[in-house]
Amino acid sequence: MLAVTAVNGCRYCSYFHTKQALKSGIPPPEISRLLSGDIDACPEEEATAVMYAQHWADSDAHPDLEITRKLQWTYGVEKAEAIHLMLRMIRIGNIMGNTLDYFIYRISFGKYLKRA
């Protein structure tokens, strides 16, 4: 979740997923690395899924077929589908959060949430 949110740049999702990660015991330095796009310290059993999630988000939900096959080979078809479901849910949340920020920016005539 943190890897996808890092790509999509939704501040609401970043806050929510960071809070959930802290509750689940992920150390703050690891959270910071994931939010910056660094997955080098990712546990080996999760690395393929996290790399796939980043690729999925970077490719605007149109991942390379070979990378999708690797995900399925690593985790099995059922778990790969569960990962896809989570990615779609995260994407919807990111889009909603970024849209809300843009709406606030526009109705405040740029006073709030200045664009970088």
PDB file of N, CA and C in Angstrom:
ATOM      1  N   MET A   1       0.827  -1.192   0.000  1.00  0.00           N
ATOM      2  CA  MET A   1       0.000   0.000   0.000  1.00  0.00           C
ATOM      3  C   MET A   1       0.872   1.258   0.000  1.00  0.00           C
ATOM      4  N   LEU A   2       1.927   1.231   0.806  1.00  0.00           N
ATOM      5  CA  LEU A   2       2.814   2.388   0.866  1.00  0.00           C
ATOM      6  C   LEU A   2       3.534   2.607  -0.458  1.00  0.00           C
ATOM      7  N   ALA A   3       3.928   1.536  -1.116  1.00  0.00           N
ATOM      8  CA  ALA A   3       4.648   1.653  -2.389  1.00  0.00           C
ATOM      9  C   ALA A   3       3.765   2.272  -3.465  1.00  0.00           C
ATOM     10  N   VAL A   4       2.500   1.864  -3.532  1.00  0.00           N
ATOM     11  CA  VAL A   4       1.574   2.414  -4.529  1.00  0.00           C
ATOM     12  C   VAL A   4       1.255   3.860  -4.191  1.00  0.00           C
ATOM     13  N   THR A   5       1.007   4.138  -2.928  1.00  0.00           N
ATOM     14  CA  THR A   5       0.697   5.501  -2.505  1.00  0.00           C
ATOM     15  C   THR A   5       1.865   6.439  -2.809  1.00  0.00           C
ATOM     16  N   ALA A   6       3.081   5.934  -2.650  1.00  0.00           N
ATOM     17  CA  ALA A   6       4.252   6.758  -2.963  1.00  0.00           C
ATOM     18  C   ALA A   6       4.260   7.159  -4.430  1.00  0.00           C
ATOM     19  N   VAL A   7       3.882   6.246  -5.299  1.00  0.00           N
ATOM     20  CA  VAL A   7       3.842   6.543  -6.738  1.00  0.00           C
ATOM     21  C   VAL A   7       2.715   7.529  -7.048  1.00  0.00           C
ATOM     22  N   ASN A   8       1.550   7.312  -6.456  1.00  0.00           N
ATOM     23  CA  ASN A   8       0.373   8.123  -6.780  1.00  0.00           C
ATOM     24  C   ASN A   8       0.329   9.459  -6.052  1.00  0.00           C
ATOM     25  N   GLY A   9       1.071   9.600  -4.969  1.00  0.00           N
ATOM     26  CA  GLY A   9       1.217  10.886  -4.295  1.00  0.00           C
ATOM     27  C   GLY A   9      -0.015  11.403  -3.579  1.00  0.00           C
ATOM     28  N   CYS A  10      -0.823  10.546  -3.025  1.00  0.00           N
ATOM     29  CA  CYS A  10      -2.005  11.004  -2.290  1.00  0.00           C
ATOM     30  C   CYS A  10      -1.640  11.184  -0.817  1.00  0.00           C
ATOM     31  N   ARG A  11      -1.767  12.409  -0.319  1.00  0.00           N
ATOM     32  CA  ARG A  11      -1.360  12.665   1.062  1.00  0.00           C
ATOM     33  C   ARG A  11      -2.284  12.006   2.074  1.00  0.00           C
ATOM     34  N   TYR A  12      -3.568  11.875   1.748  1.00  0.00           N
ATOM     35  CA  TYR A  12      -4.510  11.227   2.664  1.00  0.00           C
ATOM     36  C   TYR A  12      -4.188   9.740   2.789  1.00  0.00           C
ATOM     37  N   CYS A  13      -3.934   9.115   1.659  1.00  0.00           N
ATOM     38  CA  CYS A  13      -3.594   7.684   1.658  1.00  0.00           C
ATOM     39  C   CYS A  13      -2.253   7.459   2.337  1.00  0.00           C
ATOM     40  N   SER A  14      -1.318   8.357   2.116  1.00  0.00           N
ATOM     41  CA  SER A  14      -0.011   8.243   2.752  1.00  0.00           C
ATOM     42  C   SER A  14      -0.181   8.271   4.271  1.00  0.00           C
ATOM     43  N   TYR A  15      -0.988   9.188   4.760  1.00  0.00           N
ATOM     44  CA  TYR A  15      -1.240   9.286   6.203  1.00  0.00           C
ATOM     45  C   TYR A  15      -1.905   8.007   6.712  1.00  0.00           C
ATOM     46  N   PHE A  16      -2.960   7.570   6.051  1.00  0.00           N
ATOM     47  CA  PHE A  16      -3.706   6.384   6.484  1.00  0.00           C
ATOM     48  C   PHE A  16      -2.820   5.135   6.467  1.00  0.00           C
ATOM     49  N   HIS A  17      -2.110   4.905   5.365  1.00  0.00           N
ATOM     50  CA  HIS A  17      -1.292   3.699   5.247  1.00  0.00           C
ATOM     51  C   HIS A  17      -0.101   3.734   6.205  1.00  0.00           C
ATOM     52  N   THR A  18       0.445   4.917   6.454  1.00  0.00           N
ATOM     53  CA  THR A  18       1.524   5.041   7.429  1.00  0.00           C
ATOM     54  C   THR A  18       1.022   4.676   8.819  1.00  0.00           C
ATOM     55  N   LYS A  19      -0.147   5.188   9.160  1.00  0.00           N
ATOM     56  CA  LYS A  19      -0.753   4.885  10.462  1.00  0.00           C
ATOM     57  C   LYS A  19      -0.977   3.367  10.610  1.00  0.00           C
ATOM     58  N   GLN A  20      -1.489   2.729   9.565  1.00  0.00           N
ATOM     59  CA  GLN A  20      -1.732   1.283   9.598  1.00  0.00           C
ATOM     60  C   GLN A  20      -0.415   0.507   9.691  1.00  0.00           C
ATOM     61  N   ALA A  21       0.597   0.964   8.983  1.00  0.00           N
ATOM     62  CA  ALA A  21       1.896   0.298   9.019  1.00  0.00           C
ATOM     63  C   ALA A  21       2.508   0.385  10.417  1.00  0.00           C
ATOM     64  N   LEU A  22       2.402   1.543  11.040  1.00  0.00           N
ATOM     65  CA  LEU A  22       2.920   1.692  12.404  1.00  0.00           C
ATOM     66  C   LEU A  22       2.184   0.769  13.370  1.00  0.00           C
ATOM     67  N   LYS A  23       0.847   0.681  13.220  1.00  0.00           N
ATOM     68  CA  LYS A  23       0.057  -0.211  14.078  1.00  0.00           C
ATOM     69  C   LYS A  23       0.469  -1.672  13.900  1.00  0.00           C
ATOM     70  N   SER A  24       0.860  -2.042  12.677  1.00  0.00           N
ATOM     71  CA  SER A  24       1.229  -3.431  12.425  1.00  0.00           C
ATOM     72  C   SER A  24       2.684  -3.727  12.795  1.00  0.00           C
ATOM     73  N   GLY A  25       3.410  -2.715  13.282  1.00  0.00           N
ATOM     74  CA  GLY A  25       4.754  -2.942  13.777  1.00  0.00           C
ATOM     75  C   GLY A  25       5.880  -2.661  12.806  1.00  0.00           C
ATOM     76  N   ILE A  26       5.586  -2.076  11.660  1.00  0.00           N
ATOM     77  CA  ILE A  26       6.657  -1.733  10.715  1.00  0.00           C
ATOM     78  C   ILE A  26       7.408  -0.521  11.275  1.00  0.00           C
ATOM     79  N   PRO A  27       8.724  -0.615  11.390  1.00  0.00           N
ATOM     80  CA  PRO A  27       9.503   0.489  11.971  1.00  0.00           C
ATOM     81  C   PRO A  27       9.439   1.750  11.093  1.00  0.00           C
ATOM     82  N   PRO A  28       9.413   2.931  11.722  1.00  0.00           N
ATOM     83  CA  PRO A  28       9.348   4.191  10.971  1.00  0.00           C
ATOM     84  C   PRO A  28      10.394   4.338   9.866  1.00  0.00           C
ATOM     85  N   PRO A  29      11.659   3.918  10.073  1.00  0.00           N
ATOM     86  CA  PRO A  29      12.626   4.064   8.969  1.00  0.00           C
ATOM     87  C   PRO A  29      12.226   3.248   7.729  1.00  0.00           C
ATOM     88  N   GLU A  30      11.653   2.059   7.941  1.00  0.00           N
ATOM     89  CA  GLU A  30      11.215   1.244   6.804  1.00  0.00           C
ATOM     90  C   GLU A  30      10.038   1.905   6.091  1.00  0.00           C
ATOM     91  N   ILE A  31       9.137   2.495   6.850  1.00  0.00           N
ATOM     92  CA  ILE A  31       7.997   3.210   6.257  1.00  0.00           C
ATOM     93  C   ILE A  31       8.508   4.368   5.403  1.00  0.00           C
ATOM     94  N   SER A  32       9.451   5.125   5.946  1.00  0.00           N
ATOM     95  CA  SER A  32      10.021   6.257   5.194  1.00  0.00           C
ATOM     96  C   SER A  32      10.662   5.798   3.894  1.00  0.00           C
ATOM     97  N   ARG A  33      11.383   4.666   3.964  1.00  0.00           N
ATOM     98  CA  ARG A  33      12.023   4.146   2.740  1.00  0.00           C
ATOM     99  C   ARG A  33      10.968   3.758   1.702  1.00  0.00           C
ATOM    100  N   LEU A  34       9.908   3.074   2.147  1.00  0.00           N
ATOM    101  CA  LEU A  34       8.863   2.669   1.202  1.00  0.00           C
ATOM    102  C   LEU A  34       8.175   3.882   0.590  1.00  0.00           C
ATOM    103  N   LEU A  35       7.916   4.901   1.400  1.00  0.00           N
ATOM    104  CA  LEU A  35       7.260   6.101   0.881  1.00  0.00           C
ATOM    105  C   LEU A  35       8.151   6.887  -0.071  1.00  0.00           C
ATOM    106  N   SER A  36       9.449   6.673   0.034  1.00  0.00           N
ATOM    107  CA  SER A  36      10.361   7.352  -0.896  1.00  0.00           C
ATOM    108  C   SER A  36      10.623   6.507  -2.142  1.00  0.00           C
ATOM    109  N   GLY A  37      10.020   5.305  -2.177  1.00  0.00           N
ATOM    110  CA  GLY A  37      10.190   4.435  -3.343  1.00  0.00           C
ATOM    111  C   GLY A  37      11.304   3.420  -3.194  1.00  0.00           C
ATOM    112  N   ASP A  38      11.999   3.415  -2.066  1.00  0.00           N
ATOM    113  CA  ASP A  38      13.109   2.495  -1.831  1.00  0.00           C
ATOM    114  C   ASP A  38      12.565   1.193  -1.236  1.00  0.00           C
ATOM    115  N   ILE A  39      12.725   0.105  -1.974  1.00  0.00           N
ATOM    116  CA  ILE A  39      12.219  -1.184  -1.493  1.00  0.00           C
ATOM    117  C   ILE A  39      13.351  -2.179  -1.223  1.00  0.00           C
ATOM    118  N   ASP A  40      14.568  -1.682  -1.125  1.00  0.00           N
ATOM    119  CA  ASP A  40      15.722  -2.565  -0.906  1.00  0.00           C
ATOM    120  C   ASP A  40      15.628  -3.352   0.395  1.00  0.00           C
ATOM    121  N   ALA A  41      15.031  -2.773   1.428  1.00  0.00           N
ATOM    122  CA  ALA A  41      14.952  -3.444   2.732  1.00  0.00           C
ATOM    123  C   ALA A  41      13.667  -4.267   2.883  1.00  0.00           C
ATOM    124  N   CYS A  42      12.918  -4.383   1.824  1.00  0.00           N
ATOM    125  CA  CYS A  42      11.655  -5.130   1.856  1.00  0.00           C
ATOM    126  C   CYS A  42      11.937  -6.614   2.125  1.00  0.00           C
ATOM    127  N   PRO A  43      11.136  -7.242   3.002  1.00  0.00           N
ATOM    128  CA  PRO A  43      11.327  -8.688   3.229  1.00  0.00           C
ATOM    129  C   PRO A  43      11.247  -9.471   1.913  1.00  0.00           C
ATOM    130  N   GLU A  44      12.111 -10.471   1.777  1.00  0.00           N
ATOM    131  CA  GLU A  44      12.227 -11.227   0.528  1.00  0.00           C
ATOM    132  C   GLU A  44      10.884 -11.801   0.064  1.00  0.00           C
ATOM    133  N   GLU A  45      10.090 -12.307   0.997  1.00  0.00           N
ATOM    134  CA  GLU A  45       8.812 -12.919   0.620  1.00  0.00           C
ATOM    135  C   GLU A  45       7.782 -11.901   0.121  1.00  0.00           C
ATOM    136  N   GLU A  46       8.045 -10.613   0.373  1.00  0.00           N
ATOM    137  CA  GLU A  46       7.132  -9.562  -0.082  1.00  0.00           C
ATOM    138  C   GLU A  46       7.692  -8.756  -1.251  1.00  0.00           C
ATOM    139  N   ALA A  47       8.962  -8.930  -1.559  1.00  0.00           N
ATOM    140  CA  ALA A  47       9.637  -8.083  -2.538  1.00  0.00           C
ATOM    141  C   ALA A  47       8.975  -8.120  -3.913  1.00  0.00           C
ATOM    142  N   THR A  48       8.615  -9.303  -4.393  1.00  0.00           N
ATOM    143  CA  THR A  48       7.993  -9.395  -5.719  1.00  0.00           C
ATOM    144  C   THR A  48       6.678  -8.631  -5.747  1.00  0.00           C
ATOM    145  N   ALA A  49       5.874  -8.765  -4.703  1.00  0.00           N
ATOM    146  CA  ALA A  49       4.583  -8.075  -4.650  1.00  0.00           C
ATOM    147  C   ALA A  49       4.769  -6.556  -4.596  1.00  0.00           C
ATOM    148  N   VAL A  50       5.733  -6.094  -3.811  1.00  0.00           N
ATOM    149  CA  VAL A  50       5.963  -4.650  -3.687  1.00  0.00           C
ATOM    150  C   VAL A  50       6.502  -4.077  -4.997  1.00  0.00           C
ATOM    151  N   MET A  51       7.447  -4.788  -5.628  1.00  0.00           N
ATOM    152  CA  MET A  51       7.960  -4.327  -6.927  1.00  0.00           C
ATOM    153  C   MET A  51       6.842  -4.304  -7.971  1.00  0.00           C
ATOM    154  N   TYR A  52       5.994  -5.332  -7.942  1.00  0.00           N
ATOM    155  CA  TYR A  52       4.871  -5.374  -8.875  1.00  0.00           C
ATOM    156  C   TYR A  52       3.923  -4.206  -8.620  1.00  0.00           C
ATOM    157  N   ALA A  53       3.645  -3.932  -7.349  1.00  0.00           N
ATOM    158  CA  ALA A  53       2.741  -2.823  -7.011  1.00  0.00           C
ATOM    159  C   ALA A  53       3.282  -1.498  -7.528  1.00  0.00           C
ATOM    160  N   GLN A  54       4.582  -1.276  -7.361  1.00  0.00           N
ATOM    161  CA  GLN A  54       5.189  -0.051  -7.890  1.00  0.00           C
ATOM    162  C   GLN A  54       5.062   0.003  -9.408  1.00  0.00           C
ATOM    163  N   HIS A  55       5.375  -1.102 -10.053  1.00  0.00           N
ATOM    164  CA  HIS A  55       5.286  -1.149 -11.515  1.00  0.00           C
ATOM    165  C   HIS A  55       3.845  -0.918 -11.969  1.00  0.00           C
ATOM    166  N   TRP A  56       2.903  -1.532 -11.296  1.00  0.00           N
ATOM    167  CA  TRP A  56       1.485  -1.396 -11.621  1.00  0.00           C
ATOM    168  C   TRP A  56       1.059   0.070 -11.550  1.00  0.00           C
ATOM    169  N   ALA A  57       1.471   0.744 -10.476  1.00  0.00           N
ATOM    170  CA  ALA A  57       1.117   2.159 -10.318  1.00  0.00           C
ATOM    171  C   ALA A  57       1.850   3.029 -11.342  1.00  0.00           C
ATOM    172  N   ASP A  58       3.139   2.751 -11.567  1.00  0.00           N
ATOM    173  CA  ASP A  58       3.919   3.519 -12.545  1.00  0.00           C
ATOM    174  C   ASP A  58       3.375   3.378 -13.964  1.00  0.00           C
ATOM    175  N   SER A  59       2.822   2.201 -14.260  1.00  0.00           N
ATOM    176  CA  SER A  59       2.324   1.941 -15.611  1.00  0.00           C
ATOM    177  C   SER A  59       0.848   2.328 -15.769  1.00  0.00           C
ATOM    178  N   ASP A  60       0.331   3.060 -14.793  1.00  0.00           N
ATOM    179  CA  ASP A  60      -1.070   3.500 -14.829  1.00  0.00           C
ATOM    180  C   ASP A  60      -2.024   2.311 -14.942  1.00  0.00           C
ATOM    181  N   ALA A  61      -1.754   1.276 -14.139  1.00  0.00           N
ATOM    182  CA  ALA A  61      -2.589   0.065 -14.054  1.00  0.00           C
ATOM    183  C   ALA A  61      -2.552  -0.780 -15.327  1.00  0.00           C
ATOM    184  N   HIS A  62      -1.471  -0.655 -16.105  1.00  0.00           N
ATOM    185  CA  HIS A  62      -1.282  -1.471 -17.309  1.00  0.00           C
ATOM    186  C   HIS A  62       0.083  -2.146 -17.236  1.00  0.00           C
ATOM    187  N   PRO A  63       0.223  -3.119 -16.324  1.00  0.00           N
ATOM    188  CA  PRO A  63       1.528  -3.741 -16.124  1.00  0.00           C
ATOM    189  C   PRO A  63       1.962  -4.612 -17.302  1.00  0.00           C
ATOM    190  N   ASP A  64       3.249  -4.784 -17.404  1.00  0.00           N
ATOM    191  CA  ASP A  64       3.837  -5.654 -18.412  1.00  0.00           C
ATOM    192  C   ASP A  64       3.386  -7.092 -18.158  1.00  0.00           C
ATOM    193  N   LEU A  65       3.055  -7.801 -19.223  1.00  0.00           N
ATOM    194  CA  LEU A  65       2.549  -9.168 -19.107  1.00  0.00           C
ATOM    195  C   LEU A  65       3.552 -10.098 -18.421  1.00  0.00           C
ATOM    196  N   GLU A  66       4.821  -9.960 -18.734  1.00  0.00           N
ATOM    197  CA  GLU A  66       5.837 -10.823 -18.121  1.00  0.00           C
ATOM    198  C   GLU A  66       5.926 -10.598 -16.616  1.00  0.00           C
ATOM    199  N   ILE A  67       5.804  -9.355 -16.195  1.00  0.00           N
ATOM    200  CA  ILE A  67       5.864  -9.045 -14.760  1.00  0.00           C
ATOM    201  C   ILE A  67       4.621  -9.578 -14.056  1.00  0.00           C
ATOM    202  N   THR A  68       3.484  -9.506 -14.727  1.00  0.00           N
ATOM    203  CA  THR A  68       2.255 -10.075 -14.172  1.00  0.00           C
ATOM    204  C   THR A  68       2.386 -11.589 -14.020  1.00  0.00           C
ATOM    205  N   ARG A  69       2.972 -12.232 -15.007  1.00  0.00           N
ATOM    206  CA  ARG A  69       3.182 -13.689 -14.930  1.00  0.00           C
ATOM    207  C   ARG A  69       4.114 -14.051 -13.772  1.00  0.00           C
ATOM    208  N   LYS A  70       5.139 -13.228 -13.547  1.00  0.00           N
ATOM    209  CA  LYS A  70       6.056 -13.489 -12.437  1.00  0.00           C
ATOM    210  C   LYS A  70       5.312 -13.393 -11.106  1.00  0.00           C
ATOM    211  N   LEU A  71       4.419 -12.419 -10.994  1.00  0.00           N
ATOM    212  CA  LEU A  71       3.616 -12.291  -9.781  1.00  0.00           C
ATOM    213  C   LEU A  71       2.781 -13.554  -9.556  1.00  0.00           C
ATOM    214  N   GLN A  72       2.131 -14.021 -10.616  1.00  0.00           N
ATOM    215  CA  GLN A  72       1.305 -15.226 -10.517  1.00  0.00           C
ATOM    216  C   GLN A  72       2.152 -16.456 -10.205  1.00  0.00           C
ATOM    217  N   TRP A  73       3.327 -16.562 -10.799  1.00  0.00           N
ATOM    218  CA  TRP A  73       4.194 -17.705 -10.555  1.00  0.00           C
ATOM    219  C   TRP A  73       4.687 -17.701  -9.104  1.00  0.00           C
ATOM    220  N   THR A  74       4.998 -16.510  -8.591  1.00  0.00           N
ATOM    221  CA  THR A  74       5.532 -16.393  -7.238  1.00  0.00           C
ATOM    222  C   THR A  74       4.483 -16.692  -6.175  1.00  0.00           C
ATOM    223  N   TYR A  75       3.271 -16.164  -6.356  1.00  0.00           N
ATOM    224  CA  TYR A  75       2.258 -16.246  -5.307  1.00  0.00           C
ATOM    225  C   TYR A  75       1.068 -17.144  -5.637  1.00  0.00           C
ATOM    226  N   GLY A  76       0.950 -17.555  -6.882  1.00  0.00           N
ATOM    227  CA  GLY A  76      -0.213 -18.322  -7.310  1.00  0.00           C
ATOM    228  C   GLY A  76      -1.285 -17.369  -7.840  1.00  0.00           C
ATOM    229  N   VAL A  77      -2.175 -17.897  -8.665  1.00  0.00           N
ATOM    230  CA  VAL A  77      -3.186 -17.078  -9.335  1.00  0.00           C
ATOM    231  C   VAL A  77      -4.132 -16.426  -8.327  1.00  0.00           C
ATOM    232  N   GLU A  78      -4.566 -17.172  -7.339  1.00  0.00           N
ATOM    233  CA  GLU A  78      -5.542 -16.639  -6.374  1.00  0.00           C
ATOM    234  C   GLU A  78      -4.971 -15.465  -5.582  1.00  0.00           C
ATOM    235  N   LYS A  79      -3.755 -15.613  -5.078  1.00  0.00           N
ATOM    236  CA  LYS A  79      -3.148 -14.521  -4.318  1.00  0.00           C
ATOM    237  C   LYS A  79      -2.821 -13.336  -5.232  1.00  0.00           C
ATOM    238  N   ALA A  80      -2.410 -13.617  -6.465  1.00  0.00           N
ATOM    239  CA  ALA A  80      -2.135 -12.537  -7.424  1.00  0.00           C
ATOM    240  C   ALA A  80      -3.412 -11.731  -7.682  1.00  0.00           C
ATOM    241  N   GLU A  81      -4.545 -12.410  -7.791  1.00  0.00           N
ATOM    242  CA  GLU A  81      -5.822 -11.704  -7.981  1.00  0.00           C
ATOM    243  C   GLU A  81      -6.178 -10.861  -6.757  1.00  0.00           C
ATOM    244  N   ALA A  82      -5.868 -11.375  -5.568  1.00  0.00           N
ATOM    245  CA  ALA A  82      -6.110 -10.603  -4.348  1.00  0.00           C
ATOM    246  C   ALA A  82      -5.233  -9.350  -4.328  1.00  0.00           C
ATOM    247  N   ILE A  83      -3.992  -9.490  -4.789  1.00  0.00           N
ATOM    248  CA  ILE A  83      -3.092  -8.341  -4.881  1.00  0.00           C
ATOM    249  C   ILE A  83      -3.658  -7.323  -5.871  1.00  0.00           C
ATOM    250  N   HIS A  84      -4.163  -7.788  -7.013  1.00  0.00           N
ATOM    251  CA  HIS A  84      -4.774  -6.879  -7.994  1.00  0.00           C
ATOM    252  C   HIS A  84      -5.976  -6.154  -7.407  1.00  0.00           C
ATOM    253  N   LEU A  85      -6.792  -6.857  -6.645  1.00  0.00           N
ATOM    254  CA  LEU A  85      -7.952  -6.227  -6.017  1.00  0.00           C
ATOM    255  C   LEU A  85      -7.501  -5.106  -5.081  1.00  0.00           C
ATOM    256  N   MET A  86      -6.500  -5.382  -4.261  1.00  0.00           N
ATOM    257  CA  MET A  86      -5.984  -4.355  -3.354  1.00  0.00           C
ATOM    258  C   MET A  86      -5.411  -3.170  -4.127  1.00  0.00           C
ATOM    259  N   LEU A  87      -4.704  -3.440  -5.208  1.00  0.00           N
ATOM    260  CA  LEU A  87      -4.139  -2.356  -6.005  1.00  0.00           C
ATOM    261  C   LEU A  87      -5.233  -1.471  -6.589  1.00  0.00           C
ATOM    262  N   ARG A  88      -6.304  -2.092  -7.056  1.00  0.00           N
ATOM    263  CA  ARG A  88      -7.421  -1.298  -7.598  1.00  0.00           C
ATOM    264  C   ARG A  88      -8.083  -0.465  -6.503  1.00  0.00           C
ATOM    265  N   MET A  89      -8.241  -1.035  -5.325  1.00  0.00           N
ATOM    266  CA  MET A  89      -8.845  -0.294  -4.216  1.00  0.00           C
ATOM    267  C   MET A  89      -7.965   0.883  -3.806  1.00  0.00           C
ATOM    268  N   ILE A  90      -6.661   0.654  -3.732  1.00  0.00           N
ATOM    269  CA  ILE A  90      -5.735   1.731  -3.384  1.00  0.00           C
ATOM    270  C   ILE A  90      -5.780   2.826  -4.448  1.00  0.00           C
ATOM    271  N   ARG A  91      -5.837   2.433  -5.701  1.00  0.00           N
ATOM    272  CA  ARG A  91      -5.898   3.406  -6.798  1.00  0.00           C
ATOM    273  C   ARG A  91      -7.139   4.286  -6.687  1.00  0.00           C
ATOM    274  N   ILE A  92      -8.278   3.677  -6.387  1.00  0.00           N
ATOM    275  CA  ILE A  92      -9.513   4.450  -6.223  1.00  0.00           C
ATOM    276  C   ILE A  92      -9.354   5.460  -5.089  1.00  0.00           C
ATOM    277  N   GLY A  93      -8.792   4.998  -3.966  1.00  0.00           N
ATOM    278  CA  GLY A  93      -8.564   5.909  -2.841  1.00  0.00           C
ATOM    279  C   GLY A  93      -7.617   7.035  -3.203  1.00  0.00           C
ATOM    280  N   ASN A  94      -6.524   6.719  -3.901  1.00  0.00           N
ATOM    281  CA  ASN A  94      -5.572   7.746  -4.323  1.00  0.00           C
ATOM    282  C   ASN A  94      -6.219   8.759  -5.255  1.00  0.00           C
ATOM    283  N   ILE A  95      -6.996   8.285  -6.194  1.00  0.00           N
ATOM    284  CA  ILE A  95      -7.666   9.185  -7.145  1.00  0.00           C
ATOM    285  C   ILE A  95      -8.643  10.102  -6.401  1.00  0.00           C
ATOM    286  N   MET A  96      -9.382   9.527  -5.467  1.00  0.00           N
ATOM    287  CA  MET A  96     -10.340  10.341  -4.704  1.00  0.00           C
ATOM    288  C   MET A  96      -9.615  11.412  -3.883  1.00  0.00           C
ATOM    289  N   GLY A  97      -8.529  11.037  -3.207  1.00  0.00           N
ATOM    290  CA  GLY A  97      -7.781  11.991  -2.401  1.00  0.00           C
ATOM    291  C   GLY A  97      -7.153  13.090  -3.234  1.00  0.00           C
ATOM    292  N   ASN A  98      -6.545  12.712  -4.350  1.00  0.00           N
ATOM    293  CA  ASN A  98      -5.928  13.721  -5.218  1.00  0.00           C
ATOM    294  C   ASN A  98      -6.970  14.627  -5.859  1.00  0.00           C
ATOM    295  N   THR A  99      -8.138  14.064  -6.172  1.00  0.00           N
ATOM    296  CA  THR A  99      -9.223  14.876  -6.731  1.00  0.00           C
ATOM    297  C   THR A  99      -9.729  15.867  -5.697  1.00  0.00           C
ATOM    298  N   LEU A 100      -9.869  15.428  -4.451  1.00  0.00           N
ATOM    299  CA  LEU A 100     -10.298  16.328  -3.377  1.00  0.00           C
ATOM    300  C   LEU A 100      -9.302  17.468  -3.219  1.00  0.00           C
ATOM    301  N   ASP A 101      -8.020  17.163  -3.214  1.00  0.00           N
ATOM    302  CA  ASP A 101      -7.014  18.220  -3.103  1.00  0.00           C
ATOM    303  C   ASP A 101      -7.105  19.212  -4.255  1.00  0.00           C
ATOM    304  N   TYR A 102      -7.309  18.711  -5.457  1.00  0.00           N
ATOM    305  CA  TYR A 102      -7.417  19.613  -6.605  1.00  0.00           C
ATOM    306  C   TYR A 102      -8.672  20.491  -6.492  1.00  0.00           C
ATOM    307  N   PHE A 103      -9.766  19.899  -6.032  1.00  0.00           N
ATOM    308  CA  PHE A 103     -11.006  20.650  -5.848  1.00  0.00           C
ATOM    309  C   PHE A 103     -10.796  21.768  -4.822  1.00  0.00           C
ATOM    310  N   ILE A 104     -10.160  21.454  -3.699  1.00  0.00           N
ATOM    311  CA  ILE A 104      -9.886  22.470  -2.675  1.00  0.00           C
ATOM    312  C   ILE A 104      -8.991  23.565  -3.248  1.00  0.00           C
ATOM    313  N   TYR A 105      -8.001  23.174  -3.992  1.00  0.00           N
ATOM    314  CA  TYR A 105      -7.100  24.136  -4.623  1.00  0.00           C
ATOM    315  C   TYR A 105      -7.871  25.074  -5.560  1.00  0.00           C
ATOM    316  N   ARG A 106      -8.740  24.490  -6.376  1.00  0.00           N
ATOM    317  CA  ARG A 106      -9.493  25.308  -7.358  1.00  0.00           C
ATOM    318  C   ARG A 106     -10.511  26.234  -6.694  1.00  0.00           C
ATOM    319  N   ILE A 107     -11.284  25.727  -5.724  1.00  0.00           N
ATOM    320  CA  ILE A 107     -12.313  26.586  -5.132  1.00  0.00           C
ATOM    321  C   ILE A 107     -11.711  27.655  -4.223  1.00  0.00           C
ATOM    322  N   SER A 108     -10.467  27.472  -3.800  1.00  0.00           N
ATOM    323  CA  SER A 108      -9.807  28.495  -2.984  1.00  0.00           C
ATOM    324  C   SER A 108      -8.965  29.425  -3.860  1.00  0.00           C
ATOM    325  N   PHE A 109      -9.099  29.293  -5.180  1.00  0.00           N
ATOM    326  CA  PHE A 109      -8.333  30.088  -6.138  1.00  0.00           C
ATOM    327  C   PHE A 109      -6.826  29.991  -5.871  1.00  0.00           C
ATOM    328  N   GLY A 110      -6.413  28.789  -5.501  1.00  0.00           N
ATOM    329  CA  GLY A 110      -4.993  28.532  -5.286  1.00  0.00           C
ATOM    330  C   GLY A 110      -4.458  28.921  -3.929  1.00  0.00           C
ATOM    331  N   LYS A 111      -5.334  29.397  -3.037  1.00  0.00           N
ATOM    332  CA  LYS A 111      -4.879  29.817  -1.711  1.00  0.00           C
ATOM    333  C   LYS A 111      -4.458  28.602  -0.866  1.00  0.00           C
ATOM    334  N   TYR A 112      -5.191  27.522  -0.995  1.00  0.00           N
ATOM    335  CA  TYR A 112      -4.886  26.316  -0.221  1.00  0.00           C
ATOM    336  C   TYR A 112      -4.303  25.234  -1.123  1.00  0.00           C
ATOM    337  N   LEU A 113      -3.412  24.492  -0.549  1.00  0.00           N
ATOM    338  CA  LEU A 113      -2.813  23.358  -1.254  1.00  0.00           C
ATOM    339  C   LEU A 113      -2.100  23.803  -2.534  1.00  0.00           C
ATOM    340  N   LYS A 114      -1.204  24.737  -2.385  1.00  0.00           N
ATOM    341  CA  LYS A 114      -0.451  25.233  -3.527  1.00  0.00           C
ATOM    342  C   LYS A 114       0.190  24.087  -4.280  1.00  0.00           C
ATOM    343  N   ARG A 115       0.075  24.115  -5.587  1.00  0.00           N
ATOM    344  CA  ARG A 115       0.628  23.072  -6.451  1.00  0.00           C
ATOM    345  C   ARG A 115       2.124  23.264  -6.589  1.00  0.00           C
ATOM    346  N   ALA A 116       2.858  22.167  -6.604  1.00  0.00           N
ATOM    347  CA  ALA A 116       4.322  22.243  -6.742  1.00  0.00           C
ATOM    348  C   ALA A 116       4.697  22.533  -8.183  1.00  0.00           C
TER     349      ALA A 116
END
